[in-house]
């Protein structure tokens, strides 16, 4: 059935379509810095849904906004610390096993005890 809208009559509302403030946002994954600043809430919602956004400045890619891994995992904690500069991760492979160093002479603990005896 086709409904005609006559002058002065109101068009029927389609309740299946969501409408909101950010419905005009482009659906692609590249966004300019100014657009991101203006509509940050909407773009953060898209990131929460799992989308990754490439942020551009005057058309040149400068950053990537992506969802974090699950908050409780060790990898996610390290990623957050790396992001704020508290930790530097040089390699993705595990460290080699610790090998004690063989030394000659008296044990190091003996030298520490002697040093402490001088202070008493």
PDB file of N, CA and C in Angstrom:
ATOM      1  N   UNK A   1       0.836  -1.173   0.000  1.00  0.00           N
ATOM      2  CA  UNK A   1       0.000   0.000   0.000  1.00  0.00           C
ATOM      3  C   UNK A   1       0.885   1.242   0.000  1.00  0.00           C
ATOM      4  N   UNK A   2       0.624   2.172  -0.875  1.00  0.00           N
ATOM      5  CA  UNK A   2       1.387   3.402  -0.999  1.00  0.00           C
ATOM      6  C   UNK A   2       0.547   4.530  -0.429  1.00  0.00           C
ATOM      7  N   UNK A   3       1.146   5.272   0.486  1.00  0.00           N
ATOM      8  CA  UNK A   3       0.435   6.419   1.063  1.00  0.00           C
ATOM      9  C   UNK A   3       0.927   7.683   0.400  1.00  0.00           C
ATOM     10  N   UNK A   4       0.027   8.511   0.067  1.00  0.00           N
ATOM     11  CA  UNK A   4       0.395   9.797  -0.503  1.00  0.00           C
ATOM     12  C   UNK A   4       0.315  10.853   0.582  1.00  0.00           C
ATOM     13  N   UNK A   5       1.303  11.694   0.596  1.00  0.00           N
ATOM     14  CA  UNK A   5       1.317  12.768   1.578  1.00  0.00           C
ATOM     15  C   UNK A   5       0.827  14.015   0.860  1.00  0.00           C
ATOM     16  N   UNK A   6      -0.254  14.523   1.357  1.00  0.00           N
ATOM     17  CA  UNK A   6      -0.812  15.729   0.745  1.00  0.00           C
ATOM     18  C   UNK A   6      -0.319  16.940   1.501  1.00  0.00           C
ATOM     19  N   UNK A   7      -0.433  18.076   0.866  1.00  0.00           N
ATOM     20  CA  UNK A   7       0.021  19.319   1.472  1.00  0.00           C
ATOM     21  C   UNK A   7      -0.686  19.542   2.803  1.00  0.00           C
ATOM     22  N   UNK A   8       0.119  19.805   3.832  1.00  0.00           N
ATOM     23  CA  UNK A   8      -0.444  20.069   5.145  1.00  0.00           C
ATOM     24  C   UNK A   8      -0.594  18.814   5.993  1.00  0.00           C
ATOM     25  N   UNK A   9      -0.557  17.635   5.363  1.00  0.00           N
ATOM     26  CA  UNK A   9      -0.679  16.390   6.129  1.00  0.00           C
ATOM     27  C   UNK A   9       0.694  15.986   6.650  1.00  0.00           C
ATOM     28  N   UNK A  10       0.699  15.273   7.744  1.00  0.00           N
ATOM     29  CA  UNK A  10       1.957  14.818   8.327  1.00  0.00           C
ATOM     30  C   UNK A  10       2.321  13.439   7.777  1.00  0.00           C
ATOM     31  N   UNK A  11       3.596  13.240   7.494  1.00  0.00           N
ATOM     32  CA  UNK A  11       4.075  11.950   7.010  1.00  0.00           C
ATOM     33  C   UNK A  11       4.108  10.969   8.177  1.00  0.00           C
ATOM     34  N   UNK A  12       3.811   9.693   7.911  1.00  0.00           N
ATOM     35  CA  UNK A  12       3.874   8.706   8.987  1.00  0.00           C
ATOM     36  C   UNK A  12       5.310   8.535   9.477  1.00  0.00           C
ATOM     37  N   UNK A  13       5.462   8.227  10.756  1.00  0.00           N
ATOM     38  CA  UNK A  13       6.778   8.047  11.353  1.00  0.00           C
ATOM     39  C   UNK A  13       7.127   6.575  11.320  1.00  0.00           C
ATOM     40  N   UNK A  14       8.306   6.268  10.810  1.00  0.00           N
ATOM     41  CA  UNK A  14       8.775   4.896  10.773  1.00  0.00           C
ATOM     42  C   UNK A  14       9.471   4.606  12.095  1.00  0.00           C
ATOM     43  N   UNK A  15       8.877   3.788  12.932  1.00  0.00           N
ATOM     44  CA  UNK A  15       9.425   3.531  14.259  1.00  0.00           C
ATOM     45  C   UNK A  15      10.613   2.588  14.223  1.00  0.00           C
ATOM     46  N   UNK A  16      10.901   1.964  13.119  1.00  0.00           N
ATOM     47  CA  UNK A  16      12.029   1.055  13.027  1.00  0.00           C
ATOM     48  C   UNK A  16      13.356   1.756  12.804  1.00  0.00           C
ATOM     49  N   UNK A  17      13.342   3.030  12.471  1.00  0.00           N
ATOM     50  CA  UNK A  17      14.561   3.761  12.172  1.00  0.00           C
ATOM     51  C   UNK A  17      14.976   4.570  13.391  1.00  0.00           C
ATOM     52  N   UNK A  18      16.238   4.349  13.808  1.00  0.00           N
ATOM     53  CA  UNK A  18      16.758   5.139  14.923  1.00  0.00           C
ATOM     54  C   UNK A  18      17.223   6.483  14.406  1.00  0.00           C
ATOM     55  N   UNK A  19      16.929   7.488  15.132  1.00  0.00           N
ATOM     56  CA  UNK A  19      17.337   8.822  14.745  1.00  0.00           C
ATOM     57  C   UNK A  19      17.994   9.469  15.960  1.00  0.00           C
ATOM     58  N   UNK A  20      19.067  10.172  15.749  1.00  0.00           N
ATOM     59  CA  UNK A  20      19.731  10.805  16.857  1.00  0.00           C
ATOM     60  C   UNK A  20      20.661  11.901  16.383  1.00  0.00           C
ATOM     61  N   UNK A  21      21.313  12.510  17.336  1.00  0.00           N
ATOM     62  CA  UNK A  21      22.187  13.639  17.053  1.00  0.00           C
ATOM     63  C   UNK A  21      23.342  13.259  16.132  1.00  0.00           C
ATOM     64  N   UNK A  22      23.873  12.040  16.280  1.00  0.00           N
ATOM     65  CA  UNK A  22      25.055  11.656  15.520  1.00  0.00           C
ATOM     66  C   UNK A  22      24.737  10.810  14.288  1.00  0.00           C
ATOM     67  N   UNK A  23      23.489  10.772  13.842  1.00  0.00           N
ATOM     68  CA  UNK A  23      23.138   9.957  12.677  1.00  0.00           C
ATOM     69  C   UNK A  23      23.769  10.458  11.387  1.00  0.00           C
ATOM     70  N   UNK A  24      24.194  11.691  11.366  1.00  0.00           N
ATOM     71  CA  UNK A  24      24.782  12.240  10.145  1.00  0.00           C
ATOM     72  C   UNK A  24      26.267  11.917  10.010  1.00  0.00           C
ATOM     73  N   UNK A  25      26.863  11.269  11.025  1.00  0.00           N
ATOM     74  CA  UNK A  25      28.294  10.977  10.981  1.00  0.00           C
ATOM     75  C   UNK A  25      28.597   9.998   9.853  1.00  0.00           C
ATOM     76  N   UNK A  26      29.692  10.205   9.166  1.00  0.00           N
ATOM     77  CA  UNK A  26      30.059   9.263   8.112  1.00  0.00           C
ATOM     78  C   UNK A  26      30.355   7.893   8.696  1.00  0.00           C
ATOM     79  N   UNK A  27      30.124   6.858   7.898  1.00  0.00           N
ATOM     80  CA  UNK A  27      30.301   5.489   8.370  1.00  0.00           C
ATOM     81  C   UNK A  27      31.713   4.947   8.122  1.00  0.00           C
ATOM     82  N   UNK A  28      32.582   5.714   7.460  1.00  0.00           N
ATOM     83  CA  UNK A  28      33.923   5.216   7.195  1.00  0.00           C
ATOM     84  C   UNK A  28      34.806   5.377   8.432  1.00  0.00           C
ATOM     85  N   UNK A  29      36.013   4.833   8.380  1.00  0.00           N
ATOM     86  CA  UNK A  29      36.854   4.769   9.565  1.00  0.00           C
ATOM     87  C   UNK A  29      37.877   5.891   9.649  1.00  0.00           C
ATOM     88  N   UNK A  30      37.855   6.840   8.740  1.00  0.00           N
ATOM     89  CA  UNK A  30      38.775   7.970   8.790  1.00  0.00           C
ATOM     90  C   UNK A  30      38.004   9.211   9.202  1.00  0.00           C
ATOM     91  N   UNK A  31      38.553   9.953  10.155  1.00  0.00           N
ATOM     92  CA  UNK A  31      37.871  11.155  10.640  1.00  0.00           C
ATOM     93  C   UNK A  31      38.908  12.247  10.883  1.00  0.00           C
ATOM     94  N   UNK A  32      38.564  13.458  10.521  1.00  0.00           N
ATOM     95  CA  UNK A  32      39.446  14.593  10.747  1.00  0.00           C
ATOM     96  C   UNK A  32      39.470  14.975  12.222  1.00  0.00           C
ATOM     97  N   UNK A  33      40.560  15.599  12.643  1.00  0.00           N
ATOM     98  CA  UNK A  33      40.715  15.971  14.050  1.00  0.00           C
ATOM     99  C   UNK A  33      39.618  16.935  14.494  1.00  0.00           C
ATOM    100  N   UNK A  34      39.244  17.862  13.653  1.00  0.00           N
ATOM    101  CA  UNK A  34      38.208  18.828  14.017  1.00  0.00           C
ATOM    102  C   UNK A  34      36.845  18.147  14.159  1.00  0.00           C
ATOM    103  N   UNK A  35      36.527  17.258  13.235  1.00  0.00           N
ATOM    104  CA  UNK A  35      35.271  16.502  13.305  1.00  0.00           C
ATOM    105  C   UNK A  35      35.239  15.638  14.562  1.00  0.00           C
ATOM    106  N   UNK A  36      36.373  15.003  14.886  1.00  0.00           N
ATOM    107  CA  UNK A  36      36.462  14.172  16.085  1.00  0.00           C
ATOM    108  C   UNK A  36      36.208  15.019  17.332  1.00  0.00           C
ATOM    109  N   UNK A  37      36.814  16.178  17.386  1.00  0.00           N
ATOM    110  CA  UNK A  37      36.638  17.068  18.535  1.00  0.00           C
ATOM    111  C   UNK A  37      35.185  17.496  18.674  1.00  0.00           C
ATOM    112  N   UNK A  38      34.550  17.782  17.557  1.00  0.00           N
ATOM    113  CA  UNK A  38      33.168  18.246  17.585  1.00  0.00           C
ATOM    114  C   UNK A  38      32.201  17.152  18.012  1.00  0.00           C
ATOM    115  N   UNK A  39      32.413  15.931  17.579  1.00  0.00           N
ATOM    116  CA  UNK A  39      31.472  14.841  17.841  1.00  0.00           C
ATOM    117  C   UNK A  39      32.142  13.670  18.571  1.00  0.00           C
ATOM    118  N   UNK A  40      32.961  13.999  19.561  1.00  0.00           N
ATOM    119  CA  UNK A  40      33.750  12.995  20.264  1.00  0.00           C
ATOM    120  C   UNK A  40      32.890  11.898  20.879  1.00  0.00           C
ATOM    121  N   UNK A  41      31.786  12.245  21.492  1.00  0.00           N
ATOM    122  CA  UNK A  41      30.923  11.251  22.134  1.00  0.00           C
ATOM    123  C   UNK A  41      30.446  10.169  21.177  1.00  0.00           C
ATOM    124  N   UNK A  42      30.043  10.560  20.006  1.00  0.00           N
ATOM    125  CA  UNK A  42      29.566   9.601  19.010  1.00  0.00           C
ATOM    126  C   UNK A  42      30.674   8.690  18.517  1.00  0.00           C
ATOM    127  N   UNK A  43      31.855   9.273  18.313  1.00  0.00           N
ATOM    128  CA  UNK A  43      32.974   8.458  17.846  1.00  0.00           C
ATOM    129  C   UNK A  43      33.457   7.511  18.944  1.00  0.00           C
ATOM    130  N   UNK A  44      33.436   7.957  20.201  1.00  0.00           N
ATOM    131  CA  UNK A  44      33.802   7.049  21.298  1.00  0.00           C
ATOM    132  C   UNK A  44      32.829   5.878  21.381  1.00  0.00           C
ATOM    133  N   UNK A  45      31.566   6.138  21.119  1.00  0.00           N
ATOM    134  CA  UNK A  45      30.571   5.058  21.112  1.00  0.00           C
ATOM    135  C   UNK A  45      30.914   4.032  20.032  1.00  0.00           C
ATOM    136  N   UNK A  46      31.322   4.502  18.861  1.00  0.00           N
ATOM    137  CA  UNK A  46      31.708   3.582  17.788  1.00  0.00           C
ATOM    138  C   UNK A  46      32.931   2.762  18.181  1.00  0.00           C
ATOM    139  N   UNK A  47      33.890   3.393  18.874  1.00  0.00           N
ATOM    140  CA  UNK A  47      35.082   2.668  19.325  1.00  0.00           C
ATOM    141  C   UNK A  47      34.679   1.619  20.358  1.00  0.00           C
ATOM    142  N   UNK A  48      33.760   1.959  21.260  1.00  0.00           N
ATOM    143  CA  UNK A  48      33.271   0.978  22.242  1.00  0.00           C
ATOM    144  C   UNK A  48      32.635  -0.228  21.554  1.00  0.00           C
ATOM    145  N   UNK A  49      32.058  -0.003  20.396  1.00  0.00           N
ATOM    146  CA  UNK A  49      31.422  -1.088  19.640  1.00  0.00           C
ATOM    147  C   UNK A  49      32.450  -1.927  18.885  1.00  0.00           C
ATOM    148  N   UNK A  50      33.728  -1.537  18.949  1.00  0.00           N
ATOM    149  CA  UNK A  50      34.770  -2.341  18.328  1.00  0.00           C
ATOM    150  C   UNK A  50      35.378  -1.747  17.075  1.00  0.00           C
ATOM    151  N   UNK A  51      34.930  -0.583  16.634  1.00  0.00           N
ATOM    152  CA  UNK A  51      35.477   0.049  15.432  1.00  0.00           C
ATOM    153  C   UNK A  51      36.817   0.713  15.730  1.00  0.00           C
ATOM    154  N   UNK A  52      37.671   0.784  14.742  1.00  0.00           N
ATOM    155  CA  UNK A  52      38.941   1.500  14.835  1.00  0.00           C
ATOM    156  C   UNK A  52      38.867   2.704  13.919  1.00  0.00           C
ATOM    157  N   UNK A  53      39.267   3.882  14.428  1.00  0.00           N
ATOM    158  CA  UNK A  53      39.212   5.116  13.654  1.00  0.00           C
ATOM    159  C   UNK A  53      40.623   5.621  13.388  1.00  0.00           C
ATOM    160  N   UNK A  54      40.858   6.097  12.180  1.00  0.00           N
ATOM    161  CA  UNK A  54      42.118   6.745  11.839  1.00  0.00           C
ATOM    162  C   UNK A  54      41.855   8.244  11.873  1.00  0.00           C
ATOM    163  N   UNK A  55      42.625   8.955  12.698  1.00  0.00           N
ATOM    164  CA  UNK A  55      42.454  10.393  12.864  1.00  0.00           C
ATOM    165  C   UNK A  55      43.409  11.099  11.907  1.00  0.00           C
ATOM    166  N   UNK A  56      42.882  12.066  11.161  1.00  0.00           N
ATOM    167  CA  UNK A  56      43.713  12.809  10.212  1.00  0.00           C
ATOM    168  C   UNK A  56      43.800  14.273  10.615  1.00  0.00           C
ATOM    169  N   UNK A  57      44.889  14.901  10.208  1.00  0.00           N
ATOM    170  CA  UNK A  57      45.070  16.342  10.389  1.00  0.00           C
ATOM    171  C   UNK A  57      45.393  16.904   9.019  1.00  0.00           C
ATOM    172  N   UNK A  58      44.481  17.672   8.498  1.00  0.00           N
ATOM    173  CA  UNK A  58      44.591  18.231   7.144  1.00  0.00           C
ATOM    174  C   UNK A  58      44.798  17.142   6.097  1.00  0.00           C
ATOM    175  N   UNK A  59      44.082  16.038   6.279  1.00  0.00           N
ATOM    176  CA  UNK A  59      44.101  14.959   5.308  1.00  0.00           C
ATOM    177  C   UNK A  59      45.208  13.930   5.489  1.00  0.00           C
ATOM    178  N   UNK A  60      46.107  14.143   6.448  1.00  0.00           N
ATOM    179  CA  UNK A  60      47.213  13.206   6.685  1.00  0.00           C
ATOM    180  C   UNK A  60      46.945  12.409   7.961  1.00  0.00           C
ATOM    181  N   UNK A  61      47.025  11.086   7.901  1.00  0.00           N
ATOM    182  CA  UNK A  61      46.804  10.268   9.092  1.00  0.00           C
ATOM    183  C   UNK A  61      47.850  10.569  10.174  1.00  0.00           C
ATOM    184  N   UNK A  62      47.382  10.785  11.413  1.00  0.00           N
ATOM    185  CA  UNK A  62      48.303  11.097  12.508  1.00  0.00           C
ATOM    186  C   UNK A  62      48.120  10.184  13.721  1.00  0.00           C
ATOM    187  N   UNK A  63      46.968   9.531  13.840  1.00  0.00           N
ATOM    188  CA  UNK A  63      46.725   8.701  15.029  1.00  0.00           C
ATOM    189  C   UNK A  63      45.668   7.661  14.715  1.00  0.00           C
ATOM    190  N   UNK A  64      45.583   6.697  15.617  1.00  0.00           N
ATOM    191  CA  UNK A  64      44.570   5.657  15.496  1.00  0.00           C
ATOM    192  C   UNK A  64      43.850   5.547  16.834  1.00  0.00           C
ATOM    193  N   UNK A  65      42.538   5.546  16.802  1.00  0.00           N
ATOM    194  CA  UNK A  65      41.719   5.405  18.001  1.00  0.00           C
ATOM    195  C   UNK A  65      41.049   4.045  17.915  1.00  0.00           C
ATOM    196  N   UNK A  66      41.421   3.155  18.846  1.00  0.00           N
ATOM    197  CA  UNK A  66      40.912   1.791  18.793  1.00  0.00           C
ATOM    198  C   UNK A  66      40.527   1.345  20.191  1.00  0.00           C
ATOM    199  N   UNK A  67      39.673   0.335  20.280  1.00  0.00           N
ATOM    200  CA  UNK A  67      39.275  -0.145  21.602  1.00  0.00           C
ATOM    201  C   UNK A  67      40.433  -0.851  22.299  1.00  0.00           C
ATOM    202  N   UNK A  68      40.466  -0.724  23.624  1.00  0.00           N
ATOM    203  CA  UNK A  68      41.466  -1.443  24.414  1.00  0.00           C
ATOM    204  C   UNK A  68      41.068  -2.897  24.529  1.00  0.00           C
ATOM    205  N   UNK A  69      42.050  -3.738  24.806  1.00  0.00           N
ATOM    206  CA  UNK A  69      41.732  -5.135  25.067  1.00  0.00           C
ATOM    207  C   UNK A  69      41.035  -5.203  26.422  1.00  0.00           C
ATOM    208  N   UNK A  70      40.565  -6.362  26.762  1.00  0.00           N
ATOM    209  CA  UNK A  70      39.865  -6.526  28.036  1.00  0.00           C
ATOM    210  C   UNK A  70      40.718  -5.960  29.164  1.00  0.00           C
ATOM    211  N   UNK A  71      40.094  -5.195  30.056  1.00  0.00           N
ATOM    212  CA  UNK A  71      40.803  -4.447  31.087  1.00  0.00           C
ATOM    213  C   UNK A  71      41.591  -5.327  32.051  1.00  0.00           C
ATOM    214  N   UNK A  72      41.166  -6.558  32.300  1.00  0.00           N
ATOM    215  CA  UNK A  72      41.807  -7.376  33.303  1.00  0.00           C
ATOM    216  C   UNK A  72      43.016  -8.151  32.827  1.00  0.00           C
ATOM    217  N   UNK A  73      43.275  -8.184  31.537  1.00  0.00           N
ATOM    218  CA  UNK A  73      44.375  -9.004  31.046  1.00  0.00           C
ATOM    219  C   UNK A  73      45.713  -8.299  31.248  1.00  0.00           C
ATOM    220  N   UNK A  74      46.742  -9.085  31.408  1.00  0.00           N
ATOM    221  CA  UNK A  74      48.088  -8.540  31.592  1.00  0.00           C
ATOM    222  C   UNK A  74      48.505  -7.726  30.370  1.00  0.00           C
ATOM    223  N   UNK A  75      48.142  -8.209  29.200  1.00  0.00           N
ATOM    224  CA  UNK A  75      48.490  -7.519  27.953  1.00  0.00           C
ATOM    225  C   UNK A  75      47.847  -6.128  27.907  1.00  0.00           C
ATOM    226  N   UNK A  76      46.594  -6.022  28.345  1.00  0.00           N
ATOM    227  CA  UNK A  76      45.902  -4.731  28.343  1.00  0.00           C
ATOM    228  C   UNK A  76      46.560  -3.760  29.314  1.00  0.00           C
ATOM    229  N   UNK A  77      46.971  -4.246  30.473  1.00  0.00           N
ATOM    230  CA  UNK A  77      47.642  -3.390  31.452  1.00  0.00           C
ATOM    231  C   UNK A  77      48.952  -2.870  30.878  1.00  0.00           C
ATOM    232  N   UNK A  78      49.725  -3.761  30.258  1.00  0.00           N
ATOM    233  CA  UNK A  78      50.985  -3.336  29.644  1.00  0.00           C
ATOM    234  C   UNK A  78      50.749  -2.348  28.503  1.00  0.00           C
ATOM    235  N   UNK A  79      49.694  -2.563  27.722  1.00  0.00           N
ATOM    236  CA  UNK A  79      49.377  -1.627  26.632  1.00  0.00           C
ATOM    237  C   UNK A  79      49.053  -0.242  27.177  1.00  0.00           C
ATOM    238  N   UNK A  80      48.277  -0.192  28.272  1.00  0.00           N
ATOM    239  CA  UNK A  80      47.935   1.107  28.873  1.00  0.00           C
ATOM    240  C   UNK A  80      49.185   1.798  29.411  1.00  0.00           C
ATOM    241  N   UNK A  81      50.055   1.056  30.103  1.00  0.00           N
ATOM    242  CA  UNK A  81      51.286   1.643  30.630  1.00  0.00           C
ATOM    243  C   UNK A  81      52.207   2.114  29.510  1.00  0.00           C
ATOM    244  N   UNK A  82      52.254   1.373  28.417  1.00  0.00           N
ATOM    245  CA  UNK A  82      53.037   1.779  27.253  1.00  0.00           C
ATOM    246  C   UNK A  82      52.463   3.051  26.646  1.00  0.00           C
ATOM    247  N   UNK A  83      51.138   3.140  26.583  1.00  0.00           N
ATOM    248  CA  UNK A  83      50.482   4.301  25.984  1.00  0.00           C
ATOM    249  C   UNK A  83      50.770   5.583  26.756  1.00  0.00           C
ATOM    250  N   UNK A  84      50.890   5.505  28.075  1.00  0.00           N
ATOM    251  CA  UNK A  84      51.155   6.719  28.858  1.00  0.00           C
ATOM    252  C   UNK A  84      52.648   6.966  29.044  1.00  0.00           C
ATOM    253  N   UNK A  85      53.479   6.058  28.535  1.00  0.00           N
ATOM    254  CA  UNK A  85      54.915   6.251  28.589  1.00  0.00           C
ATOM    255  C   UNK A  85      55.581   5.747  29.858  1.00  0.00           C
ATOM    256  N   UNK A  86      54.857   5.019  30.690  1.00  0.00           N
ATOM    257  CA  UNK A  86      55.436   4.512  31.934  1.00  0.00           C
ATOM    258  C   UNK A  86      56.304   3.281  31.701  1.00  0.00           C
ATOM    259  N   UNK A  87      56.073   2.586  30.600  1.00  0.00           N
ATOM    260  CA  UNK A  87      56.788   1.352  30.285  1.00  0.00           C
ATOM    261  C   UNK A  87      57.199   1.399  28.822  1.00  0.00           C
ATOM    262  N   UNK A  88      58.384   0.882  28.534  1.00  0.00           N
ATOM    263  CA  UNK A  88      58.815   0.743  27.149  1.00  0.00           C
ATOM    264  C   UNK A  88      58.928  -0.743  26.846  1.00  0.00           C
ATOM    265  N   UNK A  89      58.218  -1.172  25.840  1.00  0.00           N
ATOM    266  CA  UNK A  89      58.262  -2.576  25.438  1.00  0.00           C
ATOM    267  C   UNK A  89      59.090  -2.684  24.172  1.00  0.00           C
ATOM    268  N   UNK A  90      60.247  -3.298  24.303  1.00  0.00           N
ATOM    269  CA  UNK A  90      61.130  -3.397  23.153  1.00  0.00           C
ATOM    270  C   UNK A  90      60.856  -4.633  22.314  1.00  0.00           C
ATOM    271  N   UNK A  91      60.517  -5.720  22.961  1.00  0.00           N
ATOM    272  CA  UNK A  91      60.338  -6.968  22.239  1.00  0.00           C
ATOM    273  C   UNK A  91      59.051  -7.655  22.679  1.00  0.00           C
ATOM    274  N   UNK A  92      58.504  -8.441  21.802  1.00  0.00           N
ATOM    275  CA  UNK A  92      57.304  -9.206  22.116  1.00  0.00           C
ATOM    276  C   UNK A  92      57.638 -10.607  22.627  1.00  0.00           C
ATOM    277  N   UNK A  93      58.897 -11.021  22.498  1.00  0.00           N
ATOM    278  CA  UNK A  93      59.267 -12.362  22.938  1.00  0.00           C
ATOM    279  C   UNK A  93      59.626 -12.342  24.424  1.00  0.00           C
ATOM    280  N   UNK A  94      59.494 -13.464  25.111  1.00  0.00           N
ATOM    281  CA  UNK A  94      59.829 -13.506  26.543  1.00  0.00           C
ATOM    282  C   UNK A  94      61.329 -13.394  26.769  1.00  0.00           C
ATOM    283  N   UNK A  95      61.704 -12.978  27.968  1.00  0.00           N
ATOM    284  CA  UNK A  95      63.109 -12.866  28.320  1.00  0.00           C
ATOM    285  C   UNK A  95      63.730 -14.252  28.433  1.00  0.00           C
ATOM    286  N   UNK A  96      65.044 -14.317  28.230  1.00  0.00           N
ATOM    287  CA  UNK A  96      65.746 -15.584  28.390  1.00  0.00           C
ATOM    288  C   UNK A  96      65.812 -15.929  29.871  1.00  0.00           C
ATOM    289  N   UNK A  97      65.920 -17.198  30.164  1.00  0.00           N
ATOM    290  CA  UNK A  97      65.986 -17.643  31.553  1.00  0.00           C
ATOM    291  C   UNK A  97      67.223 -17.059  32.245  1.00  0.00           C
ATOM    292  N   UNK A  98      67.075 -16.761  33.529  1.00  0.00           N
ATOM    293  CA  UNK A  98      68.176 -16.208  34.322  1.00  0.00           C
ATOM    294  C   UNK A  98      69.237 -17.279  34.562  1.00  0.00           C
ATOM    295  N   UNK A  99      70.478 -16.918  34.316  1.00  0.00           N
ATOM    296  CA  UNK A  99      71.616 -17.807  34.588  1.00  0.00           C
ATOM    297  C   UNK A  99      72.490 -17.138  35.633  1.00  0.00           C
ATOM    298  N   UNK A 100      72.680 -17.760  36.789  1.00  0.00           N
ATOM    299  CA  UNK A 100      73.535 -17.129  37.796  1.00  0.00           C
ATOM    300  C   UNK A 100      74.976 -17.027  37.293  1.00  0.00           C
ATOM    301  N   UNK A 101      75.649 -16.006  37.726  1.00  0.00           N
ATOM    302  CA  UNK A 101      77.027 -15.761  37.321  1.00  0.00           C
ATOM    303  C   UNK A 101      77.954 -16.421  38.337  1.00  0.00           C
ATOM    304  N   UNK A 102      78.892 -17.176  37.859  1.00  0.00           N
ATOM    305  CA  UNK A 102      79.868 -17.813  38.742  1.00  0.00           C
ATOM    306  C   UNK A 102      80.918 -16.788  39.134  1.00  0.00           C
ATOM    307  N   UNK A 103      81.275 -16.765  40.418  1.00  0.00           N
ATOM    308  CA  UNK A 103      82.288 -15.818  40.882  1.00  0.00           C
ATOM    309  C   UNK A 103      83.371 -16.556  41.659  1.00  0.00           C
ATOM    310  N   UNK A 104      84.520 -15.925  41.769  1.00  0.00           N
ATOM    311  CA  UNK A 104      85.635 -16.496  42.523  1.00  0.00           C
ATOM    312  C   UNK A 104      85.756 -15.750  43.847  1.00  0.00           C
ATOM    313  N   UNK A 105      86.330 -16.381  44.798  1.00  0.00           N
ATOM    314  CA  UNK A 105      86.574 -15.723  46.074  1.00  0.00           C
ATOM    315  C   UNK A 105      85.408 -15.882  47.030  1.00  0.00           C
ATOM    316  N   UNK A 106      85.412 -15.080  48.097  1.00  0.00           N
ATOM    317  CA  UNK A 106      84.350 -15.201  49.101  1.00  0.00           C
ATOM    318  C   UNK A 106      83.014 -14.748  48.523  1.00  0.00           C
ATOM    319  N   UNK A 107      81.920 -15.218  49.123  1.00  0.00           N
ATOM    320  CA  UNK A 107      80.613 -14.816  48.613  1.00  0.00           C
ATOM    321  C   UNK A 107      80.366 -13.318  48.824  1.00  0.00           C
ATOM    322  N   UNK A 108      79.517 -12.757  47.998  1.00  0.00           N
ATOM    323  CA  UNK A 108      79.188 -11.339  48.075  1.00  0.00           C
ATOM    324  C   UNK A 108      78.548 -11.007  49.412  1.00  0.00           C
ATOM    325  N   UNK A 109      77.770 -11.941  49.952  1.00  0.00           N
ATOM    326  CA  UNK A 109      77.137 -11.695  51.247  1.00  0.00           C
ATOM    327  C   UNK A 109      78.185 -11.426  52.330  1.00  0.00           C
ATOM    328  N   UNK A 110      79.333 -12.067  52.240  1.00  0.00           N
ATOM    329  CA  UNK A 110      80.424 -11.855  53.204  1.00  0.00           C
ATOM    330  C   UNK A 110      80.904 -10.405  53.134  1.00  0.00           C
ATOM    331  N   UNK A 111      81.060  -9.861  51.940  1.00  0.00           N
ATOM    332  CA  UNK A 111      81.506  -8.475  51.775  1.00  0.00           C
ATOM    333  C   UNK A 111      80.468  -7.507  52.345  1.00  0.00           C
ATOM    334  N   UNK A 112      79.199  -7.803  52.190  1.00  0.00           N
ATOM    335  CA  UNK A 112      78.145  -6.936  52.719  1.00  0.00           C
ATOM    336  C   UNK A 112      78.170  -6.945  54.246  1.00  0.00           C
ATOM    337  N   UNK A 113      78.331  -8.117  54.833  1.00  0.00           N
ATOM    338  CA  UNK A 113      78.381  -8.221  56.296  1.00  0.00           C
ATOM    339  C   UNK A 113      79.580  -7.451  56.840  1.00  0.00           C
ATOM    340  N   UNK A 114      80.729  -7.567  56.194  1.00  0.00           N
ATOM    341  CA  UNK A 114      81.912  -6.837  56.636  1.00  0.00           C
ATOM    342  C   UNK A 114      81.701  -5.334  56.535  1.00  0.00           C
ATOM    343  N   UNK A 115      81.062  -4.889  55.463  1.00  0.00           N
ATOM    344  CA  UNK A 115      80.786  -3.467  55.285  1.00  0.00           C
ATOM    345  C   UNK A 115      79.863  -2.953  56.383  1.00  0.00           C
ATOM    346  N   UNK A 116      78.876  -3.726  56.760  1.00  0.00           N
ATOM    347  CA  UNK A 116      77.944  -3.321  57.815  1.00  0.00           C
ATOM    348  C   UNK A 116      78.611  -3.309  59.176  1.00  0.00           C
ATOM    349  N   UNK A 117      79.551  -4.226  59.393  1.00  0.00           N
ATOM    350  CA  UNK A 117      80.257  -4.257  60.678  1.00  0.00           C
ATOM    351  C   UNK A 117      81.054  -2.971  60.906  1.00  0.00           C
ATOM    352  N   UNK A 118      81.549  -2.349  59.846  1.00  0.00           N
ATOM    353  CA  UNK A 118      82.302  -1.104  59.983  1.00  0.00           C
ATOM    354  C   UNK A 118      81.412   0.021  60.490  1.00  0.00           C
ATOM    355  N   UNK A 119      80.137  -0.015  60.218  1.00  0.00           N
ATOM    356  CA  UNK A 119      79.211   1.059  60.601  1.00  0.00           C
ATOM    357  C   UNK A 119      78.728   0.940  62.038  1.00  0.00           C
ATOM    358  N   UNK A 120      78.848  -0.218  62.637  1.00  0.00           N
ATOM    359  CA  UNK A 120      78.326  -0.406  63.994  1.00  0.00           C
ATOM    360  C   UNK A 120      79.240   0.113  65.026  1.00  0.00           C
TER     361      UNK A 120
END
